[in-house]
């Protein structure tokens, strides 16, 4: 028969496993979310910013590479919205330049 101490230990291990598995999902697309909440409409902004942050701040920034695939997925979903920034202003376009301080200059 399992005593209470073993039961609590098993429960704590299960909780720790759940946290380890769900933590990457909770921060998924974090860079994309933050940049889009600021109102920026650029092409793949979260992916570019996250990649640059991770590579410029190595080795402490390497944990940011976990977020890059999730930002890539969210940026892909938001791509049609971001592309509307390049339309004329009377059609919903945006006249300001994309400003991602410190990001990779690929566009």
C-alpha atoms as a PDB file:
ATOM      1  CA  UNK A   1       0.000   0.000   0.000  1.00  0.00           C
ATOM      2  CA  UNK A   2       1.235   3.440  -0.930  1.00  0.00           C
ATOM      3  CA  UNK A   3       1.621   5.805   1.993  1.00  0.00           C
ATOM      4  CA  UNK A   4       0.799   9.502   1.908  1.00  0.00           C
ATOM      5  CA  UNK A   5       4.400  10.605   1.468  1.00  0.00           C
ATOM      6  CA  UNK A   6       4.808   8.521  -1.703  1.00  0.00           C
ATOM      7  CA  UNK A   7       1.504   9.791  -3.025  1.00  0.00           C
ATOM      8  CA  UNK A   8       2.542  13.416  -2.497  1.00  0.00           C
ATOM      9  CA  UNK A   9       5.908  12.750  -4.143  1.00  0.00           C
ATOM     10  CA  UNK A  10       4.213  11.238  -7.195  1.00  0.00           C
ATOM     11  CA  UNK A  11       1.808  14.158  -7.374  1.00  0.00           C
ATOM     12  CA  UNK A  12       4.654  16.696  -7.179  1.00  0.00           C
ATOM     13  CA  UNK A  13       6.542  14.882  -9.943  1.00  0.00           C
ATOM     14  CA  UNK A  14       3.459  14.926 -12.128  1.00  0.00           C
ATOM     15  CA  UNK A  15       2.905  18.635 -11.522  1.00  0.00           C
ATOM     16  CA  UNK A  16       6.555  19.343 -12.378  1.00  0.00           C
ATOM     17  CA  UNK A  17       6.250  17.324 -15.593  1.00  0.00           C
ATOM     18  CA  UNK A  18       3.123  19.214 -16.596  1.00  0.00           C
ATOM     19  CA  UNK A  19       4.810  22.559 -15.980  1.00  0.00           C
ATOM     20  CA  UNK A  20       7.875  21.567 -17.997  1.00  0.00           C
ATOM     21  CA  UNK A  21       5.687  20.456 -20.889  1.00  0.00           C
ATOM     22  CA  UNK A  22       3.314  23.420 -20.869  1.00  0.00           C
ATOM     23  CA  UNK A  23       5.809  26.237 -20.254  1.00  0.00           C
ATOM     24  CA  UNK A  24       6.994  26.385 -23.895  1.00  0.00           C
ATOM     25  CA  UNK A  25       3.368  26.484 -25.048  1.00  0.00           C
ATOM     26  CA  UNK A  26       2.543  29.314 -22.672  1.00  0.00           C
ATOM     27  CA  UNK A  27       5.291  31.532 -24.085  1.00  0.00           C
ATOM     28  CA  UNK A  28       4.795  30.414 -27.684  1.00  0.00           C
ATOM     29  CA  UNK A  29       4.858  33.276 -30.116  1.00  0.00           C
ATOM     30  CA  UNK A  30       5.799  35.669 -27.356  1.00  0.00           C
ATOM     31  CA  UNK A  31       7.905  37.986 -29.547  1.00  0.00           C
ATOM     32  CA  UNK A  32       5.219  38.091 -32.226  1.00  0.00           C
ATOM     33  CA  UNK A  33       2.529  38.817 -29.688  1.00  0.00           C
ATOM     34  CA  UNK A  34       4.494  41.622 -28.059  1.00  0.00           C
ATOM     35  CA  UNK A  35       5.404  43.287 -31.339  1.00  0.00           C
ATOM     36  CA  UNK A  36       1.872  43.066 -32.740  1.00  0.00           C
ATOM     37  CA  UNK A  37       0.412  44.455 -29.513  1.00  0.00           C
ATOM     38  CA  UNK A  38       2.687  47.472 -30.013  1.00  0.00           C
ATOM     39  CA  UNK A  39       0.962  48.067 -33.342  1.00  0.00           C
ATOM     40  CA  UNK A  40       3.880  47.204 -35.615  1.00  0.00           C
ATOM     41  CA  UNK A  41       2.937  45.643 -38.940  1.00  0.00           C
ATOM     42  CA  UNK A  42       6.054  44.151 -40.449  1.00  0.00           C
ATOM     43  CA  UNK A  43       6.798  40.937 -42.281  1.00  0.00           C
ATOM     44  CA  UNK A  44       7.684  38.214 -39.742  1.00  0.00           C
ATOM     45  CA  UNK A  45       8.576  40.658 -36.966  1.00  0.00           C
ATOM     46  CA  UNK A  46       8.573  38.237 -34.036  1.00  0.00           C
ATOM     47  CA  UNK A  47      10.698  35.687 -35.833  1.00  0.00           C
ATOM     48  CA  UNK A  48      13.266  38.269 -36.880  1.00  0.00           C
ATOM     49  CA  UNK A  49      13.401  39.929 -33.476  1.00  0.00           C
ATOM     50  CA  UNK A  50      13.557  36.618 -31.573  1.00  0.00           C
ATOM     51  CA  UNK A  51      16.314  35.228 -33.785  1.00  0.00           C
ATOM     52  CA  UNK A  52      18.353  38.400 -33.433  1.00  0.00           C
ATOM     53  CA  UNK A  53      17.879  38.502 -29.658  1.00  0.00           C
ATOM     54  CA  UNK A  54      18.962  34.881 -29.325  1.00  0.00           C
ATOM     55  CA  UNK A  55      22.037  35.217 -31.503  1.00  0.00           C
ATOM     56  CA  UNK A  56      23.202  38.614 -30.239  1.00  0.00           C
ATOM     57  CA  UNK A  57      22.852  37.766 -26.543  1.00  0.00           C
ATOM     58  CA  UNK A  58      24.447  34.318 -26.612  1.00  0.00           C
ATOM     59  CA  UNK A  59      24.717  32.265 -24.488  1.00  0.00           C
ATOM     60  CA  UNK A  60      22.051  33.792 -22.222  1.00  0.00           C
ATOM     61  CA  UNK A  61      19.845  34.568 -25.212  1.00  0.00           C
ATOM     62  CA  UNK A  62      19.874  31.029 -26.545  1.00  0.00           C
ATOM     63  CA  UNK A  63      16.815  30.215 -24.445  1.00  0.00           C
ATOM     64  CA  UNK A  64      15.027  32.635 -26.773  1.00  0.00           C
ATOM     65  CA  UNK A  65      15.515  30.169 -29.616  1.00  0.00           C
ATOM     66  CA  UNK A  66      12.754  28.087 -28.045  1.00  0.00           C
ATOM     67  CA  UNK A  67      10.298  30.809 -29.027  1.00  0.00           C
ATOM     68  CA  UNK A  68      11.458  31.267 -32.636  1.00  0.00           C
ATOM     69  CA  UNK A  69       9.463  28.346 -34.158  1.00  0.00           C
ATOM     70  CA  UNK A  70       6.333  29.450 -32.326  1.00  0.00           C
ATOM     71  CA  UNK A  71       6.838  33.057 -33.437  1.00  0.00           C
ATOM     72  CA  UNK A  72       7.350  31.786 -36.975  1.00  0.00           C
ATOM     73  CA  UNK A  73       4.004  29.971 -36.829  1.00  0.00           C
ATOM     74  CA  UNK A  74       2.158  32.973 -35.374  1.00  0.00           C
ATOM     75  CA  UNK A  75       3.806  35.364 -37.832  1.00  0.00           C
ATOM     76  CA  UNK A  76       2.689  33.111 -40.679  1.00  0.00           C
ATOM     77  CA  UNK A  77      -0.899  33.206 -39.429  1.00  0.00           C
ATOM     78  CA  UNK A  78      -0.733  37.005 -39.111  1.00  0.00           C
ATOM     79  CA  UNK A  79       1.027  37.520 -42.461  1.00  0.00           C
ATOM     80  CA  UNK A  80      -2.122  38.596 -44.378  1.00  0.00           C
ATOM     81  CA  UNK A  81      -2.774  41.261 -41.747  1.00  0.00           C
ATOM     82  CA  UNK A  82       0.848  42.415 -41.823  1.00  0.00           C
ATOM     83  CA  UNK A  83       0.852  42.664 -45.607  1.00  0.00           C
ATOM     84  CA  UNK A  84      -2.035  45.139 -45.495  1.00  0.00           C
ATOM     85  CA  UNK A  85       0.463  47.679 -44.162  1.00  0.00           C
ATOM     86  CA  UNK A  86       1.863  47.920 -47.688  1.00  0.00           C
ATOM     87  CA  UNK A  87      -1.480  48.937 -49.200  1.00  0.00           C
ATOM     88  CA  UNK A  88      -2.250  52.590 -49.952  1.00  0.00           C
ATOM     89  CA  UNK A  89      -3.447  54.549 -46.928  1.00  0.00           C
ATOM     90  CA  UNK A  90      -6.998  54.893 -48.227  1.00  0.00           C
ATOM     91  CA  UNK A  91      -7.233  51.088 -48.353  1.00  0.00           C
ATOM     92  CA  UNK A  92      -6.023  50.547 -44.776  1.00  0.00           C
ATOM     93  CA  UNK A  93      -2.290  50.753 -45.381  1.00  0.00           C
ATOM     94  CA  UNK A  94       0.256  52.244 -43.064  1.00  0.00           C
ATOM     95  CA  UNK A  95       2.647  55.038 -43.997  1.00  0.00           C
ATOM     96  CA  UNK A  96       5.289  54.539 -41.312  1.00  0.00           C
ATOM     97  CA  UNK A  97       8.351  52.392 -41.847  1.00  0.00           C
ATOM     98  CA  UNK A  98       8.703  49.128 -40.023  1.00  0.00           C
ATOM     99  CA  UNK A  99      10.905  49.797 -37.014  1.00  0.00           C
ATOM    100  CA  UNK A 100      12.258  46.767 -35.236  1.00  0.00           C
ATOM    101  CA  UNK A 101      15.191  48.112 -33.267  1.00  0.00           C
ATOM    102  CA  UNK A 102      17.931  45.532 -33.081  1.00  0.00           C
ATOM    103  CA  UNK A 103      16.336  43.031 -35.449  1.00  0.00           C
ATOM    104  CA  UNK A 104      17.908  41.350 -38.416  1.00  0.00           C
ATOM    105  CA  UNK A 105      17.791  43.600 -41.447  1.00  0.00           C
ATOM    106  CA  UNK A 106      16.360  41.166 -43.967  1.00  0.00           C
ATOM    107  CA  UNK A 107      13.686  43.441 -45.407  1.00  0.00           C
END
